[in-house]
């Protein structure tokens, strides 16, 4: 190995914290390089990383997040393939490594709409995620058992991009001068596209189906045929259970108490605030 002869190399960034991932380290080496300890070193963001994180187009298509993750956690070689369960832990760890252990979030108190802020303890949130028990199976009322494959960051980005594009198209159709008949056709096409996207994501989530008699089905075509021909009731039940599993590894909403003054103004005594990691709160 060639040593770095730059006399400034001792001032280069170094890992500030080490993390384990909620889903474990069960990744192929081209996605995450195995480490001796099973933990990943997390370095602070560079100025270049901050610019990437603040570029709207790069954030929208996911490339900015991917570049920053791979810059700050060099053992992650292909962030597109990171499981959704691990994303909040990764982003929080980068935030901690760069700016410290606290993060302020701003929100409006329910009913009163008073703008307030709250300081989060990020290591405590990481500990909360560690205590979550990850599940990869769900069972429907009729006894069908589904083995779940986690969605990847690429899957999530694809859904977000497609949904955003369809919403833009809806808005443009509403404002267009085309006839009502043409608008109806465009709306129908957009609805079909979103429905197909939902089915595609559901199929990506399902690795195996086991029938009550123990028959295992792993053929993607057979699983797709089943999804296409299942009842609305079954698909609704499956979707609700999948939605619950997809939140694994994510930061739960923060539970807060209203002040006496806020309660007098109509606010509930207790309420929850969702925690998201975006450009509005990620940077100091």
Protein backbone atom coordinates (compact mmCIF):
# COMPACT_ATOMS: atom_id res chain seq x y z
CA UNK A 1 0.00 0.00 0.00
CA UNK A 2 1.32 3.46 -0.94
CA UNK A 3 1.38 5.77 2.06
CA UNK A 4 -0.11 9.25 1.80
CA UNK A 5 2.87 11.64 1.95
CA UNK A 6 0.72 14.75 2.34
CA UNK A 7 1.87 16.45 5.57
CA UNK A 8 -1.74 17.56 6.12
CA UNK A 9 -3.18 14.05 6.15
CA UNK A 10 -3.37 13.99 9.94
CA UNK A 11 -5.95 16.78 9.61
CA UNK A 12 -8.14 14.79 7.24
CA UNK A 13 -11.53 13.75 8.56
CA UNK A 14 -11.71 10.49 10.51
CA UNK A 15 -14.66 8.35 11.65
CA UNK A 16 -16.43 10.11 14.52
CA UNK A 17 -18.82 7.32 15.47
CA UNK A 18 -19.38 3.65 14.67
CA UNK A 19 -22.77 2.14 14.00
CA UNK A 20 -24.41 -1.22 13.49
CA UNK A 21 -27.32 -1.45 11.07
CA UNK A 22 -30.85 -2.47 12.13
CA UNK A 23 -31.05 -5.12 9.41
CA UNK A 24 -27.60 -6.47 10.24
CA UNK A 25 -24.61 -6.69 7.90
CA UNK A 26 -26.18 -9.26 5.59
CA UNK A 27 -25.16 -7.42 2.44
CA UNK A 28 -22.99 -8.67 -0.43
CA UNK A 29 -19.47 -7.16 -0.41
CA UNK A 30 -20.16 -5.04 -3.50
CA UNK A 31 -22.85 -3.22 -1.47
CA UNK A 32 -21.18 -3.05 1.96
CA UNK A 33 -17.59 -4.07 2.59
CA UNK A 34 -17.51 -6.45 5.60
CA UNK A 35 -15.72 -5.09 8.67
CA UNK A 36 -13.94 -6.97 11.45
CA UNK A 37 -16.22 -5.56 14.16
CA UNK A 38 -19.49 -5.65 12.23
CA UNK A 39 -19.75 -1.89 12.68
CA UNK A 40 -19.38 0.91 10.16
CA UNK A 41 -17.22 3.99 10.73
CA UNK A 42 -19.01 7.27 9.99
CA UNK A 43 -17.08 10.39 9.01
CA UNK A 44 -18.34 14.00 9.04
CA UNK A 45 -19.57 15.55 5.81
CA UNK A 46 -17.18 17.63 3.74
CA UNK A 47 -18.14 21.03 2.31
CA UNK A 48 -18.66 19.24 -1.02
CA UNK A 49 -21.05 16.79 0.65
CA UNK A 50 -23.12 19.66 2.05
CA UNK A 51 -23.47 21.14 -1.42
CA UNK A 52 -24.62 17.77 -2.76
CA UNK A 53 -27.18 17.51 0.02
CA UNK A 54 -28.53 20.97 -0.77
CA UNK A 55 -28.87 20.47 -4.54
CA UNK A 56 -32.61 20.03 -5.28
CA UNK A 57 -32.24 17.86 -8.39
CA UNK A 58 -29.69 15.55 -6.75
CA UNK A 59 -31.97 15.17 -3.74
CA UNK A 60 -35.04 14.53 -5.89
CA UNK A 61 -33.46 11.73 -7.91
CA UNK A 62 -31.60 10.31 -4.90
CA UNK A 63 -28.09 10.74 -6.28
CA UNK A 64 -27.17 13.42 -3.73
CA UNK A 65 -28.06 11.14 -0.80
CA UNK A 66 -26.18 8.23 -2.37
CA UNK A 67 -23.04 10.32 -2.91
CA UNK A 68 -23.06 11.66 0.66
CA UNK A 69 -23.62 8.22 2.22
CA UNK A 70 -20.74 6.70 0.24
CA UNK A 71 -18.50 9.67 1.08
CA UNK A 72 -19.16 9.58 4.83
CA UNK A 73 -19.29 5.79 5.20
CA UNK A 74 -16.64 4.45 2.79
CA UNK A 75 -17.47 0.82 3.59
CA UNK A 76 -20.82 1.38 1.85
CA UNK A 77 -19.98 0.83 -1.81
CA UNK A 78 -23.47 0.98 -3.35
CA UNK A 79 -25.90 3.06 -1.31
CA UNK A 80 -28.67 2.49 -3.88
CA UNK A 81 -28.95 -1.08 -2.57
CA UNK A 82 -29.19 -0.13 1.12
CA UNK A 83 -32.33 -1.54 2.75
CA UNK A 84 -34.98 0.97 3.73
CA UNK A 85 -34.76 -0.24 7.35
CA UNK A 86 -31.19 1.11 7.59
CA UNK A 87 -31.64 4.58 6.11
CA UNK A 88 -32.66 6.55 9.22
CA UNK A 89 -29.77 5.07 11.21
CA UNK A 90 -27.32 5.99 8.44
CA UNK A 91 -28.60 9.55 8.02
CA UNK A 92 -28.73 10.17 11.78
CA UNK A 93 -25.19 8.90 12.21
CA UNK A 94 -23.93 11.26 9.48
CA UNK A 95 -25.77 14.13 11.21
CA UNK A 96 -24.16 13.23 14.56
CA UNK A 97 -20.68 12.86 13.03
CA UNK A 98 -20.97 16.25 11.33
CA UNK A 99 -22.83 18.49 13.76
CA UNK A 100 -23.10 16.71 17.10
CA UNK A 101 -25.67 14.75 19.07
CA UNK A 102 -28.64 17.13 18.99
CA UNK A 103 -30.91 18.38 16.22
CA UNK A 104 -33.63 21.02 16.36
CA UNK A 105 -36.93 20.47 14.59
CA UNK A 106 -39.61 23.10 13.99
CA UNK A 107 -43.32 22.33 13.82
CA UNK A 108 -46.76 23.75 14.50
CA UNK A 109 -48.70 22.85 17.65
CA UNK A 110 -51.96 21.06 16.72
CA UNK A 111 -55.09 23.26 16.65
CA UNK A 112 -53.29 26.48 17.65
CA UNK A 113 -50.77 26.33 14.76
CA UNK A 114 -48.20 28.00 17.00
CA UNK A 115 -44.72 27.66 15.49
CA UNK A 116 -42.38 26.02 18.04
CA UNK A 117 -39.15 24.04 18.08
CA UNK A 118 -37.87 21.01 19.96
CA UNK A 119 -34.35 19.64 20.43
CA UNK A 120 -33.88 15.95 19.66
CA UNK A 121 -31.31 13.70 21.33
CA UNK A 122 -30.09 11.74 18.31
CA UNK A 123 -28.14 8.98 20.14
CA UNK A 124 -31.32 8.25 22.14
CA UNK A 125 -33.25 7.91 18.87
CA UNK A 126 -30.58 5.53 17.55
CA UNK A 127 -30.96 3.44 20.70
CA UNK A 128 -34.74 3.35 20.17
CA UNK A 129 -34.19 1.93 16.68
CA UNK A 130 -31.75 -0.68 18.04
CA UNK A 131 -34.46 -1.94 20.38
CA UNK A 132 -36.87 -2.56 17.51
CA UNK A 133 -37.38 -6.21 16.59
CA UNK A 134 -37.12 -6.56 12.82
CA UNK A 135 -39.72 -8.83 11.25
CA UNK A 136 -39.54 -10.36 7.80
CA UNK A 137 -42.78 -12.34 7.82
CA UNK A 138 -46.48 -11.58 8.00
CA UNK A 139 -49.52 -13.84 8.07
CA UNK A 140 -52.94 -13.01 6.63
CA UNK A 141 -56.24 -14.00 8.22
CA UNK A 142 -56.66 -16.85 5.73
CA UNK A 143 -53.33 -18.39 6.80
CA UNK A 144 -51.15 -17.30 3.88
CA UNK A 145 -47.65 -16.46 5.12
CA UNK A 146 -45.54 -13.88 3.30
CA UNK A 147 -41.76 -13.70 3.59
CA UNK A 148 -40.79 -10.07 3.04
CA UNK A 149 -37.87 -8.68 1.07
CA UNK A 150 -36.97 -5.15 2.25
CA UNK A 151 -37.25 -2.33 -0.26
CA UNK A 152 -33.99 -0.65 -1.24
CA UNK A 153 -33.18 3.04 -1.44
CA UNK A 154 -33.47 2.75 -5.23
CA UNK A 155 -37.00 1.32 -4.86
CA UNK A 156 -38.01 4.18 -2.54
CA UNK A 157 -36.55 6.80 -4.87
CA UNK A 158 -38.30 5.28 -7.89
CA UNK A 159 -41.65 5.46 -6.09
CA UNK A 160 -41.06 9.06 -4.98
CA UNK A 161 -40.03 10.19 -8.47
CA UNK A 162 -42.94 8.47 -10.20
CA UNK A 163 -45.45 9.79 -7.66
CA UNK A 164 -44.07 13.33 -8.00
CA UNK A 165 -44.26 13.13 -11.79
CA UNK A 166 -47.86 11.88 -11.71
CA UNK A 167 -48.84 14.66 -9.28
CA UNK A 168 -47.30 17.24 -11.60
CA UNK A 169 -49.22 15.75 -14.49
CA UNK A 170 -52.48 15.89 -12.51
CA UNK A 171 -51.89 19.59 -11.83
CA UNK A 172 -51.06 20.35 -15.46
CA UNK A 173 -54.17 18.50 -16.67
CA UNK A 174 -56.37 20.49 -14.27
CA UNK A 175 -54.97 23.76 -15.59
CA UNK A 176 -54.96 22.77 -19.28
CA UNK A 177 -57.46 23.86 -21.92
CA UNK A 178 -58.07 20.34 -23.22
CA UNK A 179 -61.63 19.01 -23.37
CA UNK A 180 -63.24 17.22 -20.41
CA UNK A 181 -63.12 13.98 -22.39
CA UNK A 182 -59.39 14.36 -22.95
CA UNK A 183 -58.86 15.25 -19.28
CA UNK A 184 -60.78 12.15 -18.17
CA UNK A 185 -58.62 9.93 -20.38
CA UNK A 186 -55.42 11.50 -19.05
CA UNK A 187 -56.61 11.07 -15.45
CA UNK A 188 -57.46 7.42 -16.14
CA UNK A 189 -54.03 6.81 -17.65
CA UNK A 190 -52.32 8.43 -14.66
CA UNK A 191 -54.41 6.40 -12.21
CA UNK A 192 -53.54 3.16 -14.02
CA UNK A 193 -49.87 4.11 -13.95
CA UNK A 194 -49.92 4.68 -10.18
CA UNK A 195 -51.86 1.44 -9.64
CA UNK A 196 -49.26 -0.49 -11.65
CA UNK A 197 -46.49 1.18 -9.65
CA UNK A 198 -48.15 0.09 -6.40
CA UNK A 199 -48.36 -3.49 -7.65
CA UNK A 200 -44.72 -3.43 -8.78
CA UNK A 201 -43.53 -2.25 -5.36
CA UNK A 202 -45.69 -4.85 -3.62
CA UNK A 203 -44.12 -7.58 -5.76
CA UNK A 204 -40.63 -6.29 -4.93
CA UNK A 205 -41.56 -6.61 -1.24
CA UNK A 206 -42.69 -10.25 -1.48
CA UNK A 207 -39.95 -12.88 -1.54
CA UNK A 208 -42.04 -15.97 -0.83
CA UNK A 209 -45.62 -17.03 -0.09
CA UNK A 210 -46.32 -20.13 1.98
CA UNK A 211 -49.78 -21.68 1.92
CA UNK A 212 -51.42 -23.14 5.07
CA UNK A 213 -50.50 -26.66 3.89
CA UNK A 214 -46.81 -25.71 3.68
CA UNK A 215 -46.48 -25.20 -0.08
CA UNK A 216 -43.86 -22.54 -0.81
CA UNK A 217 -44.14 -20.26 -3.85
CA UNK A 218 -41.09 -18.23 -4.88
CA UNK A 219 -41.65 -17.89 -8.65
CA UNK A 220 -42.15 -14.13 -9.32
CA UNK A 221 -44.56 -14.84 -12.17
CA UNK A 222 -46.76 -17.05 -9.98
CA UNK A 223 -46.71 -14.46 -7.19
CA UNK A 224 -47.67 -11.72 -9.69
CA UNK A 225 -50.50 -13.87 -11.02
CA UNK A 226 -51.76 -14.31 -7.46
CA UNK A 227 -51.59 -10.56 -6.72
CA UNK A 228 -53.42 -9.77 -9.97
CA UNK A 229 -56.23 -12.21 -9.15
CA UNK A 230 -56.58 -11.76 -5.37
CA UNK A 231 -59.62 -10.08 -3.83
CA UNK A 232 -59.63 -6.41 -2.87
CA UNK A 233 -60.08 -7.45 0.77
CA UNK A 234 -56.94 -9.61 0.70
CA UNK A 235 -54.81 -6.99 -1.07
CA UNK A 236 -55.98 -4.29 1.36
CA UNK A 237 -55.05 -6.49 4.33
CA UNK A 238 -51.67 -7.29 2.77
CA UNK A 239 -50.97 -3.63 2.01
CA UNK A 240 -51.77 -2.54 5.57
CA UNK A 241 -49.43 -5.17 7.03
CA UNK A 242 -46.71 -4.26 4.53
CA UNK A 243 -47.01 -0.59 5.47
CA UNK A 244 -46.36 -1.55 9.08
CA UNK A 245 -43.29 -3.60 8.19
CA UNK A 246 -41.93 -0.83 5.95
CA UNK A 247 -41.69 1.52 8.94
CA UNK A 248 -39.21 -0.79 10.68
CA UNK A 249 -35.92 0.93 11.43
CA UNK A 250 -37.45 4.38 11.13
CA UNK A 251 -37.55 7.05 13.82
CA UNK A 252 -40.89 7.03 15.58
CA UNK A 253 -42.82 10.29 16.05
CA UNK A 254 -41.72 12.25 19.12
CA UNK A 255 -44.31 12.41 21.92
CA UNK A 256 -44.65 15.90 23.38
CA UNK A 257 -46.75 17.68 26.01
CA UNK A 258 -48.45 21.01 25.44
CA UNK A 259 -47.92 23.91 27.83
CA UNK A 260 -50.79 25.18 29.98
CA UNK A 261 -51.08 28.23 27.73
CA UNK A 262 -51.26 26.05 24.60
CA UNK A 263 -53.92 23.85 26.22
CA UNK A 264 -55.98 26.95 27.08
CA UNK A 265 -55.82 27.91 23.40
CA UNK A 266 -57.21 24.53 22.36
CA UNK A 267 -54.14 22.36 21.88
CA UNK A 268 -54.32 18.71 23.03
CA UNK A 269 -52.45 17.94 26.24
CA UNK A 270 -50.32 15.34 24.44
CA UNK A 271 -49.43 15.10 20.77
CA UNK A 272 -46.90 13.54 18.40
CA UNK A 273 -44.53 15.15 15.91
CA UNK A 274 -43.05 13.15 13.00
CA UNK A 275 -39.26 13.26 12.62
CA UNK A 276 -37.84 13.59 9.11
CA UNK A 277 -34.32 14.15 7.89
CA UNK A 278 -34.45 16.79 5.19
CA UNK A 279 -32.73 20.03 4.26
CA UNK A 280 -35.07 21.97 6.56
CA UNK A 281 -33.54 20.48 9.71
CA UNK A 282 -30.47 18.46 8.69
CA UNK A 283 -28.00 21.34 8.54
CA UNK A 284 -26.81 23.58 11.36
